[in-house]
N, C-alpha and C. Protein backbone atom coordinates (compact mmCIF):
# COMPACT_ATOMS: atom_id res chain seq x y z
N MET A 1 12.82 36.07 28.35
CA MET A 1 12.31 35.11 27.40
C MET A 1 13.38 34.12 27.00
N GLU A 2 14.61 34.61 26.73
CA GLU A 2 15.69 33.71 26.33
C GLU A 2 16.06 32.75 27.45
N LEU A 3 15.99 33.22 28.70
CA LEU A 3 16.33 32.38 29.84
C LEU A 3 15.36 31.19 29.94
N SER A 4 14.07 31.40 29.69
CA SER A 4 13.08 30.33 29.73
C SER A 4 13.38 29.28 28.68
N PHE A 5 13.73 29.73 27.49
CA PHE A 5 14.02 28.81 26.39
C PHE A 5 15.25 27.95 26.71
N VAL A 6 16.21 28.54 27.37
CA VAL A 6 17.45 27.83 27.74
C VAL A 6 17.11 26.67 28.69
N TRP A 7 16.13 26.85 29.55
CA TRP A 7 15.75 25.79 30.50
C TRP A 7 14.80 24.77 29.89
N ILE A 8 13.99 25.20 28.97
CA ILE A 8 12.99 24.30 28.36
C ILE A 8 13.66 23.23 27.52
N LEU A 9 14.62 23.60 26.72
CA LEU A 9 15.31 22.65 25.84
C LEU A 9 15.94 21.48 26.61
N PRO A 10 16.72 21.73 27.65
CA PRO A 10 17.29 20.59 28.41
C PRO A 10 16.21 19.77 29.11
N ALA A 11 15.16 20.42 29.58
CA ALA A 11 14.08 19.68 30.24
C ALA A 11 13.39 18.73 29.27
N VAL A 12 13.12 19.21 28.06
CA VAL A 12 12.49 18.36 27.04
C VAL A 12 13.42 17.21 26.68
N ALA A 13 14.71 17.49 26.52
CA ALA A 13 15.69 16.44 26.20
C ALA A 13 15.73 15.41 27.32
N LEU A 14 15.69 15.85 28.58
CA LEU A 14 15.71 14.94 29.70
C LEU A 14 14.47 14.03 29.72
N VAL A 15 13.30 14.61 29.49
CA VAL A 15 12.06 13.84 29.46
C VAL A 15 12.08 12.82 28.33
N LEU A 16 12.50 13.24 27.13
CA LEU A 16 12.57 12.33 25.99
C LEU A 16 13.58 11.21 26.24
N GLY A 17 14.71 11.57 26.82
CA GLY A 17 15.73 10.56 27.14
C GLY A 17 15.21 9.55 28.15
N ALA A 18 14.52 10.01 29.17
CA ALA A 18 13.96 9.11 30.18
C ALA A 18 12.90 8.20 29.56
N ALA A 19 12.05 8.75 28.70
CA ALA A 19 11.02 7.93 28.04
C ALA A 19 11.66 6.87 27.17
N TYR A 20 12.70 7.24 26.45
CA TYR A 20 13.40 6.28 25.60
C TYR A 20 14.00 5.16 26.45
N PHE A 21 14.63 5.53 27.58
CA PHE A 21 15.24 4.55 28.46
C PHE A 21 14.20 3.58 29.01
N VAL A 22 13.06 4.10 29.47
CA VAL A 22 12.00 3.25 30.02
C VAL A 22 11.46 2.30 28.96
N LEU A 23 11.19 2.81 27.77
CA LEU A 23 10.66 1.96 26.70
C LEU A 23 11.69 0.94 26.27
N ARG A 24 12.93 1.30 26.22
CA ARG A 24 13.99 0.36 25.85
C ARG A 24 14.12 -0.74 26.88
N LYS A 25 14.07 -0.37 28.16
CA LYS A 25 14.15 -1.35 29.24
C LYS A 25 12.93 -2.26 29.20
N MET A 26 11.77 -1.70 28.92
CA MET A 26 10.53 -2.47 28.84
C MET A 26 10.59 -3.49 27.69
N SER A 27 11.27 -3.13 26.63
CA SER A 27 11.34 -3.99 25.47
C SER A 27 12.18 -5.23 25.71
N GLY A 28 13.22 -5.11 26.50
CA GLY A 28 14.14 -6.22 26.68
C GLY A 28 14.99 -6.41 25.45
N PRO A 29 15.90 -7.37 25.50
CA PRO A 29 16.79 -7.57 24.35
C PRO A 29 16.04 -8.21 23.18
N ARG A 30 16.18 -7.63 22.04
CA ARG A 30 15.54 -8.16 20.83
C ARG A 30 16.31 -9.39 20.37
N PRO A 31 15.60 -10.46 20.06
CA PRO A 31 16.32 -11.62 19.53
C PRO A 31 16.88 -11.31 18.14
N ALA A 32 17.94 -11.99 17.79
CA ALA A 32 18.48 -11.85 16.44
C ALA A 32 17.50 -12.52 15.48
N THR A 33 17.44 -12.02 14.25
CA THR A 33 16.56 -12.65 13.27
C THR A 33 17.02 -14.08 13.05
N PRO A 34 16.18 -15.05 13.38
CA PRO A 34 16.57 -16.44 13.19
C PRO A 34 16.86 -16.72 11.71
N VAL A 35 17.85 -17.55 11.46
CA VAL A 35 18.21 -17.93 10.09
C VAL A 35 17.00 -18.50 9.36
N SER A 36 16.17 -19.26 10.09
CA SER A 36 15.01 -19.89 9.46
C SER A 36 13.93 -18.89 9.05
N LEU A 37 14.01 -17.63 9.49
CA LEU A 37 13.00 -16.64 9.14
C LEU A 37 13.54 -15.54 8.23
N ARG A 38 14.65 -15.79 7.62
CA ARG A 38 15.22 -14.78 6.73
C ARG A 38 14.63 -14.92 5.33
N PRO A 39 14.51 -13.81 4.61
CA PRO A 39 13.99 -13.87 3.23
C PRO A 39 14.75 -14.89 2.39
N GLY A 40 13.96 -15.62 1.60
CA GLY A 40 14.52 -16.67 0.75
C GLY A 40 14.41 -18.05 1.37
N GLN A 41 14.11 -18.11 2.67
CA GLN A 41 13.95 -19.39 3.36
C GLN A 41 12.49 -19.85 3.31
N GLN A 42 12.28 -21.14 3.30
CA GLN A 42 10.94 -21.71 3.40
C GLN A 42 10.46 -21.48 4.85
N LEU A 43 9.23 -21.05 5.01
CA LEU A 43 8.70 -20.87 6.36
C LEU A 43 8.70 -22.23 7.06
N PRO A 44 9.35 -22.35 8.21
CA PRO A 44 9.38 -23.64 8.91
C PRO A 44 7.99 -24.14 9.24
N ASP A 45 7.84 -25.44 9.26
CA ASP A 45 6.55 -26.04 9.59
C ASP A 45 6.30 -25.89 11.08
N PHE A 46 5.04 -25.69 11.45
CA PHE A 46 4.64 -25.65 12.84
C PHE A 46 3.15 -25.94 12.90
N ALA A 47 2.66 -26.21 14.10
CA ALA A 47 1.24 -26.51 14.30
C ALA A 47 0.63 -25.50 15.26
N ALA A 48 -0.42 -24.83 14.81
CA ALA A 48 -1.18 -23.91 15.64
C ALA A 48 -2.63 -24.38 15.63
N LEU A 49 -3.49 -23.70 16.35
CA LEU A 49 -4.91 -23.97 16.33
C LEU A 49 -5.64 -22.76 15.78
N ASP A 50 -6.62 -23.01 14.89
CA ASP A 50 -7.43 -21.90 14.40
C ASP A 50 -8.58 -21.65 15.38
N GLU A 51 -9.46 -20.74 15.02
CA GLU A 51 -10.54 -20.36 15.94
C GLU A 51 -11.58 -21.47 16.16
N GLN A 52 -11.60 -22.45 15.27
CA GLN A 52 -12.51 -23.57 15.43
C GLN A 52 -11.85 -24.74 16.16
N GLY A 53 -10.59 -24.57 16.54
CA GLY A 53 -9.88 -25.62 17.25
C GLY A 53 -9.18 -26.61 16.32
N ASN A 54 -9.16 -26.32 15.03
CA ASN A 54 -8.49 -27.20 14.07
C ASN A 54 -6.99 -26.91 14.03
N GLN A 55 -6.20 -27.96 13.83
CA GLN A 55 -4.76 -27.76 13.71
C GLN A 55 -4.46 -27.17 12.34
N VAL A 56 -3.67 -26.11 12.31
CA VAL A 56 -3.30 -25.42 11.09
C VAL A 56 -1.80 -25.11 11.11
N GLY A 57 -1.27 -24.82 9.94
CA GLY A 57 0.14 -24.47 9.85
C GLY A 57 0.44 -23.95 8.47
N PRO A 58 1.71 -23.77 8.15
CA PRO A 58 2.10 -23.22 6.87
C PRO A 58 1.56 -24.01 5.66
N ALA A 59 1.35 -25.30 5.79
CA ALA A 59 0.84 -26.09 4.67
C ALA A 59 -0.53 -25.59 4.20
N GLU A 60 -1.33 -25.09 5.15
CA GLU A 60 -2.67 -24.57 4.79
C GLU A 60 -2.59 -23.28 3.98
N LEU A 61 -1.46 -22.65 3.95
CA LEU A 61 -1.31 -21.40 3.22
C LEU A 61 -0.81 -21.60 1.79
N ARG A 62 -0.38 -22.79 1.45
CA ARG A 62 0.17 -23.03 0.11
C ARG A 62 -0.86 -22.67 -0.95
N GLY A 63 -0.40 -22.01 -1.96
CA GLY A 63 -1.28 -21.59 -3.06
C GLY A 63 -1.69 -20.14 -2.97
N SER A 64 -1.43 -19.51 -1.83
CA SER A 64 -1.74 -18.08 -1.72
C SER A 64 -0.68 -17.41 -0.86
N ALA A 65 -0.39 -16.17 -1.18
CA ALA A 65 0.54 -15.40 -0.37
C ALA A 65 -0.10 -15.09 0.97
N ALA A 66 0.70 -14.69 1.93
CA ALA A 66 0.16 -14.35 3.25
C ALA A 66 1.03 -13.34 3.94
N VAL A 67 0.37 -12.52 4.74
CA VAL A 67 1.04 -11.66 5.71
C VAL A 67 0.78 -12.33 7.05
N ILE A 68 1.86 -12.67 7.75
CA ILE A 68 1.75 -13.33 9.05
C ILE A 68 2.35 -12.41 10.09
N LEU A 69 1.56 -12.13 11.11
CA LEU A 69 2.01 -11.26 12.19
C LEU A 69 1.95 -12.02 13.50
N PHE A 70 3.06 -12.05 14.20
CA PHE A 70 3.11 -12.61 15.54
C PHE A 70 2.85 -11.45 16.50
N VAL A 71 1.73 -11.53 17.21
CA VAL A 71 1.33 -10.43 18.11
C VAL A 71 1.33 -10.90 19.56
N ARG A 72 1.67 -9.99 20.44
CA ARG A 72 1.83 -10.31 21.85
C ARG A 72 0.51 -10.61 22.54
N GLY A 73 -0.54 -9.97 22.15
CA GLY A 73 -1.84 -10.20 22.76
C GLY A 73 -2.66 -8.92 22.75
N ASN A 74 -3.94 -9.06 23.05
CA ASN A 74 -4.84 -7.91 23.02
C ASN A 74 -4.57 -6.95 24.17
N TRP A 75 -3.79 -7.35 25.16
CA TRP A 75 -3.40 -6.48 26.26
C TRP A 75 -2.34 -5.46 25.84
N CYS A 76 -1.68 -5.72 24.71
CA CYS A 76 -0.59 -4.87 24.24
C CYS A 76 -1.13 -3.71 23.39
N PRO A 77 -0.98 -2.46 23.83
CA PRO A 77 -1.52 -1.34 23.05
C PRO A 77 -0.86 -1.20 21.69
N PHE A 78 0.41 -1.61 21.55
CA PHE A 78 1.10 -1.51 20.28
C PHE A 78 0.55 -2.55 19.28
N CYS A 79 0.19 -3.73 19.80
CA CYS A 79 -0.42 -4.76 18.94
C CYS A 79 -1.81 -4.33 18.49
N SER A 80 -2.60 -3.78 19.43
CA SER A 80 -3.94 -3.32 19.08
C SER A 80 -3.87 -2.23 18.01
N LYS A 81 -2.90 -1.34 18.13
CA LYS A 81 -2.73 -0.27 17.15
C LYS A 81 -2.32 -0.86 15.80
N GLN A 82 -1.47 -1.88 15.82
CA GLN A 82 -1.04 -2.55 14.59
C GLN A 82 -2.25 -3.19 13.88
N VAL A 83 -3.10 -3.85 14.64
CA VAL A 83 -4.30 -4.47 14.08
C VAL A 83 -5.18 -3.37 13.49
N GLU A 84 -5.37 -2.29 14.23
CA GLU A 84 -6.20 -1.18 13.75
C GLU A 84 -5.63 -0.62 12.44
N ASN A 85 -4.32 -0.44 12.38
CA ASN A 85 -3.71 0.11 11.16
C ASN A 85 -3.89 -0.83 9.97
N LEU A 86 -3.79 -2.12 10.21
CA LEU A 86 -3.92 -3.08 9.11
C LEU A 86 -5.35 -3.19 8.60
N THR A 87 -6.33 -2.87 9.45
CA THR A 87 -7.72 -2.96 8.98
C THR A 87 -7.96 -2.03 7.79
N LYS A 88 -7.23 -0.93 7.74
CA LYS A 88 -7.41 0.02 6.64
C LYS A 88 -6.93 -0.55 5.31
N TYR A 89 -6.08 -1.59 5.37
CA TYR A 89 -5.49 -2.18 4.17
C TYR A 89 -5.98 -3.60 3.92
N TYR A 90 -6.91 -4.06 4.74
CA TYR A 90 -7.36 -5.45 4.64
C TYR A 90 -7.88 -5.77 3.24
N LYS A 91 -8.73 -4.92 2.69
CA LYS A 91 -9.31 -5.18 1.38
C LYS A 91 -8.22 -5.27 0.30
N GLU A 92 -7.23 -4.40 0.36
CA GLU A 92 -6.14 -4.44 -0.61
C GLU A 92 -5.34 -5.75 -0.50
N ILE A 93 -5.12 -6.19 0.74
CA ILE A 93 -4.40 -7.45 0.96
C ILE A 93 -5.17 -8.61 0.35
N VAL A 94 -6.46 -8.67 0.62
CA VAL A 94 -7.30 -9.74 0.09
C VAL A 94 -7.41 -9.64 -1.43
N ASP A 95 -7.53 -8.43 -1.96
CA ASP A 95 -7.61 -8.25 -3.42
C ASP A 95 -6.35 -8.72 -4.13
N LEU A 96 -5.22 -8.75 -3.41
CA LEU A 96 -3.97 -9.26 -3.98
C LEU A 96 -3.90 -10.79 -3.88
N GLY A 97 -4.96 -11.39 -3.37
CA GLY A 97 -5.01 -12.86 -3.24
C GLY A 97 -4.28 -13.38 -2.03
N ALA A 98 -4.01 -12.52 -1.07
CA ALA A 98 -3.24 -12.92 0.11
C ALA A 98 -4.16 -13.10 1.33
N LYS A 99 -3.65 -13.81 2.30
CA LYS A 99 -4.34 -13.99 3.58
C LYS A 99 -3.61 -13.15 4.62
N LEU A 100 -4.34 -12.77 5.66
CA LEU A 100 -3.77 -12.04 6.77
C LEU A 100 -3.96 -12.90 8.01
N ILE A 101 -2.83 -13.37 8.57
CA ILE A 101 -2.86 -14.29 9.70
C ILE A 101 -2.19 -13.63 10.90
N PHE A 102 -2.89 -13.67 12.04
CA PHE A 102 -2.30 -13.22 13.30
C PHE A 102 -2.05 -14.46 14.15
N ILE A 103 -0.82 -14.62 14.59
CA ILE A 103 -0.49 -15.72 15.51
C ILE A 103 -0.31 -15.11 16.88
N THR A 104 -1.08 -15.58 17.85
CA THR A 104 -1.10 -15.01 19.18
C THR A 104 -0.98 -16.09 20.22
N PRO A 105 -0.33 -15.79 21.34
CA PRO A 105 -0.21 -16.79 22.39
C PRO A 105 -1.39 -16.81 23.36
N LYS A 106 -2.36 -15.98 23.12
CA LYS A 106 -3.43 -15.88 24.12
C LYS A 106 -4.81 -16.15 23.53
N PRO A 107 -5.80 -16.31 24.39
CA PRO A 107 -7.11 -16.78 23.94
C PRO A 107 -7.65 -16.06 22.71
N LEU A 108 -8.11 -16.89 21.76
CA LEU A 108 -8.59 -16.36 20.50
C LEU A 108 -9.89 -15.56 20.65
N ALA A 109 -10.70 -15.91 21.63
CA ALA A 109 -11.99 -15.20 21.79
C ALA A 109 -11.74 -13.72 22.06
N THR A 110 -10.78 -13.41 22.92
CA THR A 110 -10.53 -12.01 23.22
C THR A 110 -9.85 -11.32 22.04
N THR A 111 -9.00 -12.06 21.33
CA THR A 111 -8.34 -11.50 20.15
C THR A 111 -9.36 -11.24 19.05
N ARG A 112 -10.29 -12.14 18.86
CA ARG A 112 -11.33 -12.01 17.84
C ARG A 112 -12.14 -10.75 18.07
N ARG A 113 -12.38 -10.39 19.33
CA ARG A 113 -13.17 -9.17 19.62
C ARG A 113 -12.53 -7.95 19.00
N VAL A 114 -11.20 -7.91 19.01
CA VAL A 114 -10.49 -6.77 18.42
C VAL A 114 -10.82 -6.67 16.92
N ALA A 115 -10.75 -7.81 16.21
CA ALA A 115 -11.07 -7.82 14.78
C ALA A 115 -12.53 -7.48 14.52
N ASP A 116 -13.42 -7.97 15.39
CA ASP A 116 -14.86 -7.69 15.22
C ASP A 116 -15.15 -6.20 15.36
N ILE A 117 -14.42 -5.54 16.23
CA ILE A 117 -14.60 -4.09 16.41
C ILE A 117 -14.37 -3.38 15.08
N PHE A 118 -13.36 -3.86 14.33
CA PHE A 118 -13.01 -3.22 13.06
C PHE A 118 -13.69 -3.87 11.86
N ASP A 119 -14.53 -4.90 12.13
CA ASP A 119 -15.33 -5.56 11.10
C ASP A 119 -14.48 -6.09 9.94
N VAL A 120 -13.46 -6.87 10.29
CA VAL A 120 -12.63 -7.52 9.29
C VAL A 120 -12.48 -9.00 9.64
N GLN A 121 -12.13 -9.81 8.66
CA GLN A 121 -12.05 -11.26 8.85
C GLN A 121 -10.61 -11.76 8.81
N PHE A 122 -9.81 -11.28 9.74
CA PHE A 122 -8.47 -11.82 9.87
C PHE A 122 -8.58 -13.26 10.31
N GLU A 123 -7.54 -14.02 10.06
CA GLU A 123 -7.44 -15.36 10.62
C GLU A 123 -6.55 -15.28 11.85
N PHE A 124 -6.98 -15.89 12.93
CA PHE A 124 -6.19 -15.93 14.15
C PHE A 124 -5.78 -17.36 14.42
N TRP A 125 -4.50 -17.56 14.67
CA TRP A 125 -3.97 -18.86 15.02
C TRP A 125 -3.40 -18.76 16.42
N LEU A 126 -3.64 -19.80 17.21
CA LEU A 126 -3.24 -19.79 18.61
C LEU A 126 -1.96 -20.58 18.84
N ASP A 127 -1.05 -19.97 19.57
CA ASP A 127 0.21 -20.60 20.01
C ASP A 127 0.25 -20.50 21.53
N GLU A 128 -0.74 -21.13 22.16
CA GLU A 128 -0.96 -20.94 23.59
C GLU A 128 0.24 -21.37 24.45
N SER A 129 0.89 -22.44 24.09
CA SER A 129 2.03 -22.91 24.89
C SER A 129 3.34 -22.24 24.48
N LEU A 130 3.29 -21.36 23.49
CA LEU A 130 4.46 -20.66 22.95
C LEU A 130 5.46 -21.63 22.31
N SER A 131 5.00 -22.80 21.92
CA SER A 131 5.91 -23.76 21.30
C SER A 131 6.37 -23.29 19.93
N ILE A 132 5.48 -22.67 19.16
CA ILE A 132 5.87 -22.11 17.85
C ILE A 132 6.85 -20.97 18.07
N THR A 133 6.52 -20.12 19.00
CA THR A 133 7.36 -18.96 19.32
C THR A 133 8.78 -19.42 19.70
N ARG A 134 8.86 -20.43 20.54
CA ARG A 134 10.18 -20.93 20.96
C ARG A 134 10.90 -21.57 19.77
N SER A 135 10.20 -22.39 18.99
CA SER A 135 10.86 -23.10 17.89
C SER A 135 11.37 -22.13 16.83
N LEU A 136 10.72 -20.98 16.67
CA LEU A 136 11.15 -20.00 15.67
C LEU A 136 12.14 -18.97 16.23
N GLY A 137 12.41 -19.05 17.51
CA GLY A 137 13.36 -18.11 18.12
C GLY A 137 12.79 -16.73 18.37
N LEU A 138 11.48 -16.65 18.64
CA LEU A 138 10.81 -15.36 18.82
C LEU A 138 10.35 -15.11 20.25
N LEU A 139 10.83 -15.89 21.20
CA LEU A 139 10.39 -15.75 22.58
C LEU A 139 10.86 -14.45 23.20
N HIS A 140 9.95 -13.76 23.85
CA HIS A 140 10.28 -12.57 24.64
C HIS A 140 10.06 -12.96 26.09
N SER A 141 11.13 -13.43 26.75
CA SER A 141 11.06 -13.86 28.14
C SER A 141 10.68 -12.68 29.04
N SER A 142 9.74 -12.93 29.95
CA SER A 142 9.27 -11.92 30.89
C SER A 142 8.78 -10.67 30.17
N GLY A 143 8.23 -10.84 28.97
CA GLY A 143 7.77 -9.71 28.18
C GLY A 143 6.39 -9.20 28.50
N VAL A 144 5.64 -9.95 29.31
CA VAL A 144 4.29 -9.50 29.70
C VAL A 144 4.44 -8.59 30.92
N PRO A 145 3.86 -7.41 30.87
CA PRO A 145 3.93 -6.49 32.02
C PRO A 145 3.34 -7.16 33.27
N GLU A 146 3.87 -6.83 34.41
CA GLU A 146 3.46 -7.48 35.66
C GLU A 146 1.97 -7.41 35.92
N ASP A 147 1.32 -6.33 35.53
CA ASP A 147 -0.13 -6.18 35.76
C ASP A 147 -0.95 -7.24 35.03
N TYR A 148 -0.39 -7.84 33.98
CA TYR A 148 -1.13 -8.81 33.17
C TYR A 148 -0.67 -10.24 33.35
N ARG A 149 0.35 -10.48 34.13
CA ARG A 149 0.95 -11.81 34.23
C ARG A 149 0.04 -12.85 34.85
N LYS A 150 -0.86 -12.45 35.74
CA LYS A 150 -1.78 -13.42 36.35
C LYS A 150 -2.63 -14.09 35.27
N ASP A 151 -3.08 -13.31 34.30
CA ASP A 151 -3.95 -13.84 33.24
C ASP A 151 -3.18 -14.35 32.03
N TYR A 152 -1.99 -13.80 31.75
CA TYR A 152 -1.31 -14.09 30.50
C TYR A 152 0.06 -14.76 30.66
N GLY A 153 0.50 -14.98 31.90
CA GLY A 153 1.81 -15.58 32.10
C GLY A 153 2.92 -14.55 31.96
N ASP A 154 4.16 -15.02 32.06
CA ASP A 154 5.31 -14.12 32.03
C ASP A 154 5.84 -13.85 30.62
N ASP A 155 5.84 -14.90 29.79
CA ASP A 155 6.49 -14.82 28.49
C ASP A 155 5.49 -14.56 27.36
N THR A 156 6.00 -14.00 26.29
CA THR A 156 5.17 -13.74 25.11
C THR A 156 6.04 -13.83 23.87
N VAL A 157 5.48 -13.45 22.76
CA VAL A 157 6.19 -13.50 21.48
C VAL A 157 6.78 -12.13 21.17
N TRP A 158 7.92 -12.12 20.48
CA TRP A 158 8.50 -10.86 20.04
C TRP A 158 7.72 -10.44 18.79
N PRO A 159 7.25 -9.19 18.68
CA PRO A 159 6.47 -8.76 17.52
C PRO A 159 7.25 -8.97 16.22
N THR A 160 6.65 -9.73 15.32
CA THR A 160 7.32 -10.10 14.08
C THR A 160 6.32 -10.08 12.93
N ALA A 161 6.76 -9.60 11.77
CA ALA A 161 5.93 -9.58 10.57
C ALA A 161 6.64 -10.33 9.46
N LEU A 162 5.89 -11.19 8.77
CA LEU A 162 6.42 -11.95 7.64
C LEU A 162 5.49 -11.78 6.44
N VAL A 163 6.06 -11.74 5.26
CA VAL A 163 5.30 -11.85 4.02
C VAL A 163 5.84 -13.09 3.34
N ILE A 164 4.95 -14.03 3.04
CA ILE A 164 5.35 -15.26 2.36
C ILE A 164 4.65 -15.36 1.01
N ASP A 165 5.31 -16.00 0.08
CA ASP A 165 4.70 -16.18 -1.23
C ASP A 165 3.83 -17.44 -1.26
N ALA A 166 3.25 -17.74 -2.40
CA ALA A 166 2.31 -18.87 -2.52
C ALA A 166 2.99 -20.22 -2.31
N GLU A 167 4.31 -20.28 -2.42
CA GLU A 167 5.04 -21.53 -2.19
C GLU A 167 5.55 -21.63 -0.75
N GLY A 168 5.23 -20.63 0.08
CA GLY A 168 5.66 -20.66 1.48
C GLY A 168 7.06 -20.14 1.72
N VAL A 169 7.61 -19.43 0.74
CA VAL A 169 8.94 -18.85 0.88
C VAL A 169 8.81 -17.45 1.49
N ILE A 170 9.62 -17.18 2.48
CA ILE A 170 9.60 -15.87 3.13
C ILE A 170 10.21 -14.83 2.17
N ARG A 171 9.45 -13.78 1.90
CA ARG A 171 9.93 -12.71 1.03
C ARG A 171 10.26 -11.44 1.80
N TYR A 172 9.72 -11.33 3.02
CA TYR A 172 10.00 -10.17 3.89
C TYR A 172 9.88 -10.65 5.33
N ALA A 173 10.82 -10.24 6.16
CA ALA A 173 10.78 -10.57 7.59
C ALA A 173 11.20 -9.36 8.39
N ASN A 174 10.45 -9.05 9.45
CA ASN A 174 10.77 -7.92 10.29
C ASN A 174 10.51 -8.29 11.75
N LEU A 175 11.57 -8.37 12.54
CA LEU A 175 11.46 -8.45 13.98
C LEU A 175 11.52 -7.01 14.46
N SER A 176 10.48 -6.57 15.14
CA SER A 176 10.47 -5.20 15.60
C SER A 176 11.70 -4.90 16.41
N ARG A 177 12.26 -3.71 16.19
CA ARG A 177 13.46 -3.33 16.94
C ARG A 177 13.14 -3.14 18.42
N PHE A 178 11.99 -2.54 18.69
CA PHE A 178 11.46 -2.38 20.04
C PHE A 178 10.03 -2.89 20.00
N ILE A 179 9.43 -3.14 21.17
CA ILE A 179 8.07 -3.67 21.17
C ILE A 179 7.06 -2.71 20.56
N PHE A 180 7.38 -1.44 20.51
CA PHE A 180 6.45 -0.46 19.96
C PHE A 180 6.70 -0.16 18.49
N ASP A 181 7.73 -0.72 17.92
CA ASP A 181 8.13 -0.46 16.54
C ASP A 181 7.53 -1.54 15.63
N ARG A 182 6.59 -1.15 14.78
CA ARG A 182 5.94 -2.11 13.87
C ARG A 182 6.05 -1.62 12.44
N PRO A 183 6.17 -2.53 11.48
CA PRO A 183 6.31 -2.10 10.08
C PRO A 183 5.04 -1.41 9.58
N ASN A 184 5.24 -0.43 8.73
CA ASN A 184 4.14 0.28 8.10
C ASN A 184 3.36 -0.68 7.21
N PRO A 185 2.02 -0.71 7.30
CA PRO A 185 1.23 -1.60 6.44
C PRO A 185 1.53 -1.42 4.94
N GLN A 186 1.86 -0.20 4.54
CA GLN A 186 2.20 0.04 3.13
C GLN A 186 3.43 -0.77 2.71
N LEU A 187 4.38 -0.91 3.62
CA LEU A 187 5.57 -1.69 3.34
C LEU A 187 5.20 -3.16 3.12
N LEU A 188 4.31 -3.68 3.93
CA LEU A 188 3.85 -5.08 3.75
C LEU A 188 3.13 -5.22 2.41
N LEU A 189 2.31 -4.24 2.07
CA LEU A 189 1.61 -4.27 0.79
C LEU A 189 2.57 -4.22 -0.38
N ASN A 190 3.59 -3.41 -0.28
CA ASN A 190 4.58 -3.33 -1.35
C ASN A 190 5.26 -4.66 -1.60
N HIS A 191 5.56 -5.39 -0.54
CA HIS A 191 6.17 -6.72 -0.69
C HIS A 191 5.17 -7.72 -1.29
N LEU A 192 3.91 -7.58 -0.95
CA LEU A 192 2.89 -8.45 -1.55
C LEU A 192 2.76 -8.16 -3.06
N ARG A 193 2.80 -6.91 -3.42
CA ARG A 193 2.65 -6.54 -4.84
C ARG A 193 3.79 -7.07 -5.70
N LYS A 194 4.96 -7.27 -5.10
CA LYS A 194 6.10 -7.79 -5.84
C LYS A 194 5.98 -9.27 -6.17
N LEU A 195 5.09 -9.97 -5.48
CA LEU A 195 4.98 -11.43 -5.67
C LEU A 195 4.30 -11.78 -6.97
């Protein structure tokens, strides 16, 4: 019995180490938090498209707090899980007078289906050319897995969460350490409650 345990422990450590290495390699190098996205800074201006094709940006958010999430796309299981987790807190976010905005580089119709599954009214903004992503320093070069590149291209956005106040000042910023690492929705809510 002791001999089996002696072999199991190193085998488990080896498997966990290999999984960590693969996920780390898959993530690529995380960009440094851009100075323009640090707490206390005004959210830089940019232009996105909403689901109706209207140009939108930070100016449309003035007067209400917002949680803004830059998501890689509906092909990303970690992004889908993040959306699912936030649906449980959607009512609390709205009750605090805040908006929940997802900025995505890929077609809004497919992204909207994810929200419809969970029956919530998130706002989706499109950054199809990744111009916002590049201007904010959030580009994840070659971040789309090869199986999806034909439909989604090579590059995507680095997963990022922001909480901004009613004046457009960033109060919380989180660039995920790895592509699978996302902030707990409770943490976002706590920052909203402080506003």
